Amino acid sequence: MQKGVGSVISTYEDRQRATARTKVEAFARELDYSLADLFSAEVKATLAPAPAKHRHPKNATVVWFGPGRKPQRFVGNRAIGTACLMLVR
């Protein structure tokens, strides 16, 4: 019985959704629009990656961009007073 009730509910919801869609399409047509005009997906601009602010002095491929957690080598070396990252200019 549970299966029958679930399928009846889903078909009822599908019919209601189809009815609502036809009503909305008719209303949009009255205003000289289509549903694609009203509900088109807007394309968001993607952000470029942030430039590196700090670079490891011995290995130039290791960089730190600034926000977020500091690299462990930076935290550890700063505690003992040595510079382990250079500021990128």
PDB file of N, CA and C in Angstrom:
ATOM      1  N   MET A   1       0.819  -1.201   0.000  1.00  0.00           N
ATOM      2  CA  MET A   1       0.000   0.000   0.000  1.00  0.00           C
ATOM      3  C   MET A   1       0.858   1.259   0.000  1.00  0.00           C
ATOM      4  N   GLN A   2       1.983   1.203   0.703  1.00  0.00           N
ATOM      5  CA  GLN A   2       2.868   2.368   0.796  1.00  0.00           C
ATOM      6  C   GLN A   2       3.405   2.754  -0.579  1.00  0.00           C
ATOM      7  N   LYS A   3       3.724   1.765  -1.411  1.00  0.00           N
ATOM      8  CA  LYS A   3       4.222   2.054  -2.757  1.00  0.00           C
ATOM      9  C   LYS A   3       3.169   2.760  -3.593  1.00  0.00           C
ATOM     10  N   GLY A   4       1.944   2.290  -3.484  1.00  0.00           N
ATOM     11  CA  GLY A   4       0.858   2.884  -4.252  1.00  0.00           C
ATOM     12  C   GLY A   4       0.615   4.331  -3.863  1.00  0.00           C
ATOM     13  N   VAL A   5       0.692   4.618  -2.574  1.00  0.00           N
ATOM     14  CA  VAL A   5       0.474   5.983  -2.099  1.00  0.00           C
ATOM     15  C   VAL A   5       1.591   6.900  -2.595  1.00  0.00           C
ATOM     16  N   GLY A   6       2.815   6.412  -2.552  1.00  0.00           N
ATOM     17  CA  GLY A   6       3.941   7.217  -3.016  1.00  0.00           C
ATOM     18  C   GLY A   6       3.855   7.543  -4.491  1.00  0.00           C
ATOM     19  N   SER A   7       3.452   6.571  -5.298  1.00  0.00           N
ATOM     20  CA  SER A   7       3.353   6.829  -6.731  1.00  0.00           C
ATOM     21  C   SER A   7       2.191   7.760  -7.045  1.00  0.00           C
ATOM     22  N   VAL A   8       1.089   7.652  -6.296  1.00  0.00           N
ATOM     23  CA  VAL A   8      -0.046   8.557  -6.505  1.00  0.00           C
ATOM     24  C   VAL A   8       0.344   9.982  -6.152  1.00  0.00           C
ATOM     25  N   ILE A   9       1.071  10.139  -5.066  1.00  0.00           N
ATOM     26  CA  ILE A   9       1.516  11.482  -4.653  1.00  0.00           C
ATOM     27  C   ILE A   9       2.458  12.071  -5.691  1.00  0.00           C
ATOM     28  N   SER A  10       3.398  11.269  -6.188  1.00  0.00           N
ATOM     29  CA  SER A  10       4.357  11.807  -7.162  1.00  0.00           C
ATOM     30  C   SER A  10       3.675  12.171  -8.476  1.00  0.00           C
ATOM     31  N   THR A  11       2.704  11.356  -8.931  1.00  0.00           N
ATOM     32  CA  THR A  11       2.017  11.715 -10.169  1.00  0.00           C
ATOM     33  C   THR A  11       1.146  12.949  -9.972  1.00  0.00           C
ATOM     34  N   TYR A  12       0.553  13.092  -8.790  1.00  0.00           N
ATOM     35  CA  TYR A  12      -0.241  14.287  -8.501  1.00  0.00           C
ATOM     36  C   TYR A  12       0.646  15.533  -8.519  1.00  0.00           C
ATOM     37  N   GLU A  13       1.817  15.437  -7.897  1.00  0.00           N
ATOM     38  CA  GLU A  13       2.749  16.576  -7.882  1.00  0.00           C
ATOM     39  C   GLU A  13       3.231  16.894  -9.295  1.00  0.00           C
ATOM     40  N   ASP A  14       3.477  15.867 -10.095  1.00  0.00           N
ATOM     41  CA  ASP A  14       3.893  16.095 -11.483  1.00  0.00           C
ATOM     42  C   ASP A  14       2.807  16.820 -12.270  1.00  0.00           C
ATOM     43  N   ARG A  15       1.561  16.402 -12.079  1.00  0.00           N
ATOM     44  CA  ARG A  15       0.447  17.066 -12.766  1.00  0.00           C
ATOM     45  C   ARG A  15       0.307  18.509 -12.313  1.00  0.00           C
ATOM     46  N   GLN A  16       0.447  18.755 -11.008  1.00  0.00           N
ATOM     47  CA  GLN A  16       0.349  20.118 -10.485  1.00  0.00           C
ATOM     48  C   GLN A  16       1.471  20.992 -11.042  1.00  0.00           C
ATOM     49  N   ARG A  17       2.666  20.427 -11.108  1.00  0.00           N
ATOM     50  CA  ARG A  17       3.817  21.158 -11.647  1.00  0.00           C
ATOM     51  C   ARG A  17       3.603  21.493 -13.122  1.00  0.00           C
ATOM     52  N   ALA A  18       3.070  20.552 -13.886  1.00  0.00           N
ATOM     53  CA  ALA A  18       2.803  20.786 -15.308  1.00  0.00           C
ATOM     54  C   ALA A  18       1.732  21.855 -15.489  1.00  0.00           C
ATOM     55  N   THR A  19       0.699  21.820 -14.655  1.00  0.00           N
ATOM     56  CA  THR A  19      -0.356  22.833 -14.722  1.00  0.00           C
ATOM     57  C   THR A  19       0.200  24.210 -14.400  1.00  0.00           C
ATOM     58  N   ALA A  20       1.018  24.286 -13.362  1.00  0.00           N
ATOM     59  CA  ALA A  20       1.613  25.569 -12.987  1.00  0.00           C
ATOM     60  C   ALA A  20       2.510  26.093 -14.098  1.00  0.00           C
ATOM     61  N   ARG A  21       3.259  25.198 -14.721  1.00  0.00           N
ATOM     62  CA  ARG A  21       4.165  25.625 -15.800  1.00  0.00           C
ATOM     63  C   ARG A  21       3.370  26.188 -16.980  1.00  0.00           C
ATOM     64  N   THR A  22       2.272  25.529 -17.351  1.00  0.00           N
ATOM     65  CA  THR A  22       1.491  26.039 -18.475  1.00  0.00           C
ATOM     66  C   THR A  22       0.859  27.387 -18.144  1.00  0.00           C
ATOM     67  N   LYS A  23       0.448  27.582 -16.887  1.00  0.00           N
ATOM     68  CA  LYS A  23      -0.120  28.875 -16.484  1.00  0.00           C
ATOM     69  C   LYS A  23       0.933  29.979 -16.545  1.00  0.00           C
ATOM     70  N   VAL A  24       2.134  29.658 -16.076  1.00  0.00           N
ATOM     71  CA  VAL A  24       3.215  30.647 -16.091  1.00  0.00           C
ATOM     72  C   VAL A  24       3.624  30.962 -17.525  1.00  0.00           C
ATOM     73  N   GLU A  25       3.687  29.942 -18.376  1.00  0.00           N
ATOM     74  CA  GLU A  25       4.031  30.174 -19.784  1.00  0.00           C
ATOM     75  C   GLU A  25       2.981  31.053 -20.460  1.00  0.00           C
ATOM     76  N   ALA A  26       1.708  30.810 -20.159  1.00  0.00           N
ATOM     77  CA  ALA A  26       0.642  31.621 -20.754  1.00  0.00           C
ATOM     78  C   ALA A  26       0.734  33.067 -20.282  1.00  0.00           C
ATOM     79  N   PHE A  27       0.982  33.261 -19.006  1.00  0.00           N
ATOM     80  CA  PHE A  27       1.115  34.619 -18.469  1.00  0.00           C
ATOM     81  C   PHE A  27       2.317  35.328 -19.081  1.00  0.00           C
ATOM     82  N   ALA A  28       3.436  34.620 -19.225  1.00  0.00           N
ATOM     83  CA  ALA A  28       4.627  35.219 -19.828  1.00  0.00           C
ATOM     84  C   ALA A  28       4.369  35.575 -21.288  1.00  0.00           C
ATOM     85  N   ARG A  29       3.642  34.713 -22.009  1.00  0.00           N
ATOM     86  CA  ARG A  29       3.308  35.003 -23.399  1.00  0.00           C
ATOM     87  C   ARG A  29       2.445  36.257 -23.514  1.00  0.00           C
ATOM     88  N   GLU A  30       1.533  36.463 -22.555  1.00  0.00           N
ATOM     89  CA  GLU A  30       0.708  37.675 -22.558  1.00  0.00           C
ATOM     90  C   GLU A  30       1.568  38.934 -22.459  1.00  0.00           C
ATOM     91  N   LEU A  31       2.679  38.830 -21.767  1.00  0.00           N
ATOM     92  CA  LEU A  31       3.581  39.977 -21.593  1.00  0.00           C
ATOM     93  C   LEU A  31       4.706  39.990 -22.618  1.00  0.00           C
ATOM     94  N   ASP A  32       4.612  39.143 -23.635  1.00  0.00           N
ATOM     95  CA  ASP A  32       5.608  39.034 -24.714  1.00  0.00           C
ATOM     96  C   ASP A  32       6.983  38.590 -24.222  1.00  0.00           C
ATOM     97  N   TYR A  33       6.984  37.647 -23.316  1.00  0.00           N
ATOM     98  CA  TYR A  33       8.226  37.034 -22.844  1.00  0.00           C
ATOM     99  C   TYR A  33       8.127  35.534 -23.009  1.00  0.00           C
ATOM    100  N   SER A  34       9.279  34.894 -22.984  1.00  0.00           N
ATOM    101  CA  SER A  34       9.313  33.439 -22.913  1.00  0.00           C
ATOM    102  C   SER A  34       9.928  33.056 -21.568  1.00  0.00           C
ATOM    103  N   LEU A  35       9.744  31.812 -21.169  1.00  0.00           N
ATOM    104  CA  LEU A  35      10.329  31.383 -19.897  1.00  0.00           C
ATOM    105  C   LEU A  35      11.852  31.444 -19.950  1.00  0.00           C
ATOM    106  N   ALA A  36      12.424  31.220 -21.104  1.00  0.00           N
ATOM    107  CA  ALA A  36      13.885  31.308 -21.233  1.00  0.00           C
ATOM    108  C   ALA A  36      14.369  32.738 -20.984  1.00  0.00           C
ATOM    109  N   ASP A  37      13.561  33.725 -21.426  1.00  0.00           N
ATOM    110  CA  ASP A  37      13.938  35.123 -21.176  1.00  0.00           C
ATOM    111  C   ASP A  37      13.884  35.442 -19.686  1.00  0.00           C
ATOM    112  N   LEU A  38      12.899  34.920 -19.010  1.00  0.00           N
ATOM    113  CA  LEU A  38      12.694  35.254 -17.604  1.00  0.00           C
ATOM    114  C   LEU A  38      13.593  34.476 -16.657  1.00  0.00           C
ATOM    115  N   PHE A  39      13.887  33.235 -17.012  1.00  0.00           N
ATOM    116  CA  PHE A  39      14.630  32.377 -16.096  1.00  0.00           C
ATOM    117  C   PHE A  39      15.952  31.905 -16.672  1.00  0.00           C
ATOM    118  N   SER A  40      16.598  32.723 -17.472  1.00  0.00           N
ATOM    119  CA  SER A  40      17.882  32.325 -18.041  1.00  0.00           C
ATOM    120  C   SER A  40      18.942  32.341 -16.952  1.00  0.00           C
ATOM    121  N   ALA A  41      19.870  31.424 -17.054  1.00  0.00           N
ATOM    122  CA  ALA A  41      20.962  31.338 -16.081  1.00  0.00           C
ATOM    123  C   ALA A  41      21.990  32.411 -16.394  1.00  0.00           C
ATOM    124  N   GLU A  42      22.299  33.205 -15.404  1.00  0.00           N
ATOM    125  CA  GLU A  42      23.309  34.246 -15.591  1.00  0.00           C
ATOM    126  C   GLU A  42      24.686  33.651 -15.366  1.00  0.00           C
ATOM    127  N   VAL A  43      25.623  34.047 -16.201  1.00  0.00           N
ATOM    128  CA  VAL A  43      26.982  33.561 -16.091  1.00  0.00           C
ATOM    129  C   VAL A  43      27.744  34.488 -15.156  1.00  0.00           C
ATOM    130  N   LYS A  44      28.313  33.897 -14.110  1.00  0.00           N
ATOM    131  CA  LYS A  44      29.091  34.689 -13.169  1.00  0.00           C
ATOM    132  C   LYS A  44      30.542  34.761 -13.630  1.00  0.00           C
ATOM    133  N   ALA A  45      31.133  35.905 -13.448  1.00  0.00           N
ATOM    134  CA  ALA A  45      32.530  36.069 -13.815  1.00  0.00           C
ATOM    135  C   ALA A  45      33.396  35.316 -12.810  1.00  0.00           C
ATOM    136  N   THR A  46      34.403  34.642 -13.320  1.00  0.00           N
ATOM    137  CA  THR A  46      35.302  33.924 -12.430  1.00  0.00           C
ATOM    138  C   THR A  46      36.430  34.856 -12.013  1.00  0.00           C
ATOM    139  N   LEU A  47      36.877  34.691 -10.812  1.00  0.00           N
ATOM    140  CA  LEU A  47      37.962  35.519 -10.300  1.00  0.00           C
ATOM    141  C   LEU A  47      39.305  34.928 -10.689  1.00  0.00           C
ATOM    142  N   ALA A  48      40.235  35.784 -10.996  1.00  0.00           N
ATOM    143  CA  ALA A  48      41.585  35.339 -11.293  1.00  0.00           C
ATOM    144  C   ALA A  48      42.262  34.950  -9.979  1.00  0.00           C
ATOM    145  N   PRO A  49      43.169  33.994 -10.013  1.00  0.00           N
ATOM    146  CA  PRO A  49      43.862  33.623  -8.783  1.00  0.00           C
ATOM    147  C   PRO A  49      44.671  34.789  -8.241  1.00  0.00           C
ATOM    148  N   ALA A  50      44.751  34.863  -6.938  1.00  0.00           N
ATOM    149  CA  ALA A  50      45.489  35.945  -6.292  1.00  0.00           C
ATOM    150  C   ALA A  50      46.985  35.798  -6.571  1.00  0.00           C
ATOM    151  N   PRO A  51      47.683  36.899  -6.747  1.00  0.00           N
ATOM    152  CA  PRO A  51      49.129  36.798  -6.958  1.00  0.00           C
ATOM    153  C   PRO A  51      49.832  36.400  -5.658  1.00  0.00           C
ATOM    154  N   ALA A  52      50.953  35.700  -5.801  1.00  0.00           N
ATOM    155  CA  ALA A  52      51.712  35.262  -4.631  1.00  0.00           C
ATOM    156  C   ALA A  52      52.328  36.464  -3.940  1.00  0.00           C
ATOM    157  N   LYS A  53      52.227  36.489  -2.602  1.00  0.00           N
ATOM    158  CA  LYS A  53      52.810  37.587  -1.833  1.00  0.00           C
ATOM    159  C   LYS A  53      54.167  37.197  -1.243  1.00  0.00           C
ATOM    160  N   HIS A  54      54.327  35.925  -0.923  1.00  0.00           N
ATOM    161  CA  HIS A  54      55.568  35.462  -0.298  1.00  0.00           C
ATOM    162  C   HIS A  54      56.078  34.237  -1.037  1.00  0.00           C
ATOM    163  N   ARG A  55      57.389  34.140  -1.140  1.00  0.00           N
ATOM    164  CA  ARG A  55      58.006  33.017  -1.836  1.00  0.00           C
ATOM    165  C   ARG A  55      59.145  32.478  -0.972  1.00  0.00           C
ATOM    166  N   HIS A  56      59.332  31.169  -0.985  1.00  0.00           N
ATOM    167  CA  HIS A  56      60.410  30.546  -0.221  1.00  0.00           C
ATOM    168  C   HIS A  56      61.733  30.951  -0.853  1.00  0.00           C
ATOM    169  N   PRO A  57      62.722  31.391  -0.062  1.00  0.00           N
ATOM    170  CA  PRO A  57      63.980  31.892  -0.641  1.00  0.00           C
ATOM    171  C   PRO A  57      64.800  30.826  -1.359  1.00  0.00           C
ATOM    172  N   LYS A  58      64.717  29.572  -0.967  1.00  0.00           N
ATOM    173  CA  LYS A  58      65.527  28.532  -1.602  1.00  0.00           C
ATOM    174  C   LYS A  58      64.766  27.782  -2.689  1.00  0.00           C
ATOM    175  N   ASN A  59      63.446  27.684  -2.571  1.00  0.00           N
ATOM    176  CA  ASN A  59      62.631  26.958  -3.539  1.00  0.00           C
ATOM    177  C   ASN A  59      61.551  27.908  -4.038  1.00  0.00           C
ATOM    178  N   ALA A  60      61.732  28.476  -5.220  1.00  0.00           N
ATOM    179  CA  ALA A  60      60.834  29.510  -5.738  1.00  0.00           C
ATOM    180  C   ALA A  60      59.452  28.978  -6.095  1.00  0.00           C
ATOM    181  N   THR A  61      59.302  27.655  -6.179  1.00  0.00           N
ATOM    182  CA  THR A  61      57.981  27.114  -6.501  1.00  0.00           C
ATOM    183  C   THR A  61      57.062  27.086  -5.282  1.00  0.00           C
ATOM    184  N   VAL A  62      57.619  27.237  -4.090  1.00  0.00           N
ATOM    185  CA  VAL A  62      56.818  27.235  -2.862  1.00  0.00           C
ATOM    186  C   VAL A  62      56.416  28.674  -2.566  1.00  0.00           C
ATOM    187  N   VAL A  63      55.127  28.952  -2.655  1.00  0.00           N
ATOM    188  CA  VAL A  63      54.630  30.312  -2.455  1.00  0.00           C
ATOM    189  C   VAL A  63      53.531  30.302  -1.405  1.00  0.00           C
ATOM    190  N   TRP A  64      53.253  31.481  -0.862  1.00  0.00           N
ATOM    191  CA  TRP A  64      52.169  31.686   0.079  1.00  0.00           C
ATOM    192  C   TRP A  64      51.450  32.945  -0.364  1.00  0.00           C
ATOM    193  N   PHE A  65      50.134  32.879  -0.480  1.00  0.00           N
ATOM    194  CA  PHE A  65      49.349  33.974  -1.028  1.00  0.00           C
ATOM    195  C   PHE A  65      48.938  34.991   0.018  1.00  0.00           C
ATOM    196  N   GLY A  66      49.090  34.672   1.291  1.00  0.00           N
ATOM    197  CA  GLY A  66      48.765  35.644   2.342  1.00  0.00           C
ATOM    198  C   GLY A  66      47.550  35.275   3.156  1.00  0.00           C
ATOM    199  N   PRO A  67      46.360  35.130   2.564  1.00  0.00           N
ATOM    200  CA  PRO A  67      45.209  34.799   3.398  1.00  0.00           C
ATOM    201  C   PRO A  67      45.250  33.337   3.837  1.00  0.00           C
ATOM    202  N   GLY A  68      44.562  33.049   4.903  1.00  0.00           N
ATOM    203  CA  GLY A  68      44.521  31.676   5.391  1.00  0.00           C
ATOM    204  C   GLY A  68      45.628  31.406   6.380  1.00  0.00           C
ATOM    205  N   ARG A  69      45.846  30.133   6.634  1.00  0.00           N
ATOM    206  CA  ARG A  69      46.876  29.752   7.605  1.00  0.00           C
ATOM    207  C   ARG A  69      48.267  30.014   7.051  1.00  0.00           C
ATOM    208  N   LYS A  70      49.159  30.389   7.936  1.00  0.00           N
ATOM    209  CA  LYS A  70      50.558  30.578   7.537  1.00  0.00           C
ATOM    210  C   LYS A  70      51.209  29.206   7.397  1.00  0.00           C
ATOM    211  N   PRO A  71      52.151  29.060   6.469  1.00  0.00           N
ATOM    212  CA  PRO A  71      52.867  27.788   6.349  1.00  0.00           C
ATOM    213  C   PRO A  71      53.640  27.488   7.624  1.00  0.00           C
ATOM    214  N   GLN A  72      53.782  26.228   7.963  1.00  0.00           N
ATOM    215  CA  GLN A  72      54.459  25.825   9.187  1.00  0.00           C
ATOM    216  C   GLN A  72      55.909  26.300   9.221  1.00  0.00           C
ATOM    217  N   ARG A  73      56.585  26.279   8.070  1.00  0.00           N
ATOM    218  CA  ARG A  73      57.982  26.730   8.068  1.00  0.00           C
ATOM    219  C   ARG A  73      58.072  28.210   8.410  1.00  0.00           C
ATOM    220  N   PHE A  74      57.031  28.985   8.033  1.00  0.00           N
ATOM    221  CA  PHE A  74      57.022  30.405   8.345  1.00  0.00           C
ATOM    222  C   PHE A  74      56.808  30.627   9.835  1.00  0.00           C
ATOM    223  N   VAL A  75      55.885  29.898  10.412  1.00  0.00           N
ATOM    224  CA  VAL A  75      55.587  30.040  11.835  1.00  0.00           C
ATOM    225  C   VAL A  75      56.770  29.580  12.663  1.00  0.00           C
ATOM    226  N   GLY A  76      57.332  28.412  12.319  1.00  0.00           N
ATOM    227  CA  GLY A  76      58.448  27.861  13.092  1.00  0.00           C
ATOM    228  C   GLY A  76      59.694  28.720  12.999  1.00  0.00           C
ATOM    229  N   ASN A  77      60.063  29.171  11.816  1.00  0.00           N
ATOM    230  CA  ASN A  77      61.276  29.974  11.643  1.00  0.00           C
ATOM    231  C   ASN A  77      61.109  31.365  12.224  1.00  0.00           C
ATOM    232  N   ARG A  78      59.914  31.891  12.216  1.00  0.00           N
ATOM    233  CA  ARG A  78      59.700  33.220  12.784  1.00  0.00           C
ATOM    234  C   ARG A  78      59.887  33.184  14.307  1.00  0.00           C
ATOM    235  N   ALA A  79      59.528  32.054  14.911  1.00  0.00           N
ATOM    236  CA  ALA A  79      59.688  31.914  16.355  1.00  0.00           C
ATOM    237  C   ALA A  79      61.161  31.926  16.749  1.00  0.00           C
ATOM    238  N   ILE A  80      62.031  31.375  15.880  1.00  0.00           N
ATOM    239  CA  ILE A  80      63.453  31.373  16.212  1.00  0.00           C
ATOM    240  C   ILE A  80      64.185  32.555  15.590  1.00  0.00           C
ATOM    241  N   GLY A  81      63.482  33.394  14.844  1.00  0.00           N
ATOM    242  CA  GLY A  81      64.070  34.636  14.360  1.00  0.00           C
ATOM    243  C   GLY A  81      64.705  34.587  12.991  1.00  0.00           C
ATOM    244  N   THR A  82      64.500  33.564  12.187  1.00  0.00           N
ATOM    245  CA  THR A  82      65.076  33.518  10.847  1.00  0.00           C
ATOM    246  C   THR A  82      63.995  33.775   9.808  1.00  0.00           C
ATOM    247  N   ALA A  83      64.386  34.379   8.715  1.00  0.00           N
ATOM    248  CA  ALA A  83      63.441  34.647   7.632  1.00  0.00           C
ATOM    249  C   ALA A  83      63.399  33.445   6.712  1.00  0.00           C
ATOM    250  N   CYS A  84      62.217  32.919   6.482  1.00  0.00           N
ATOM    251  CA  CYS A  84      62.128  31.772   5.582  1.00  0.00           C
ATOM    252  C   CYS A  84      61.292  32.091   4.344  1.00  0.00           C
ATOM    253  N   LEU A  85      60.612  33.216   4.313  1.00  0.00           N
ATOM    254  CA  LEU A  85      59.842  33.623   3.145  1.00  0.00           C
ATOM    255  C   LEU A  85      60.242  35.040   2.778  1.00  0.00           C
ATOM    256  N   MET A  86      60.346  35.270   1.486  1.00  0.00           N
ATOM    257  CA  MET A  86      60.663  36.615   1.012  1.00  0.00           C
ATOM    258  C   MET A  86      59.392  37.231   0.467  1.00  0.00           C
ATOM    259  N   LEU A  87      59.258  38.525   0.614  1.00  0.00           N
ATOM    260  CA  LEU A  87      58.124  39.241   0.046  1.00  0.00           C
ATOM    261  C   LEU A  87      58.341  39.379  -1.447  1.00  0.00           C
ATOM    262  N   VAL A  88      57.358  38.995  -2.243  1.00  0.00           N
ATOM    263  CA  VAL A  88      57.457  39.065  -3.694  1.00  0.00           C
ATOM    264  C   VAL A  88      57.108  40.474  -4.130  1.00  0.00           C
ATOM    265  N   ARG A  89      57.903  41.057  -4.953  1.00  0.00           N
ATOM    266  CA  ARG A  89      57.648  42.412  -5.454  1.00  0.00           C
ATOM    267  C   ARG A  89      57.330  42.384  -6.906  1.00  0.00           C
TER     268      ARG A  89
END
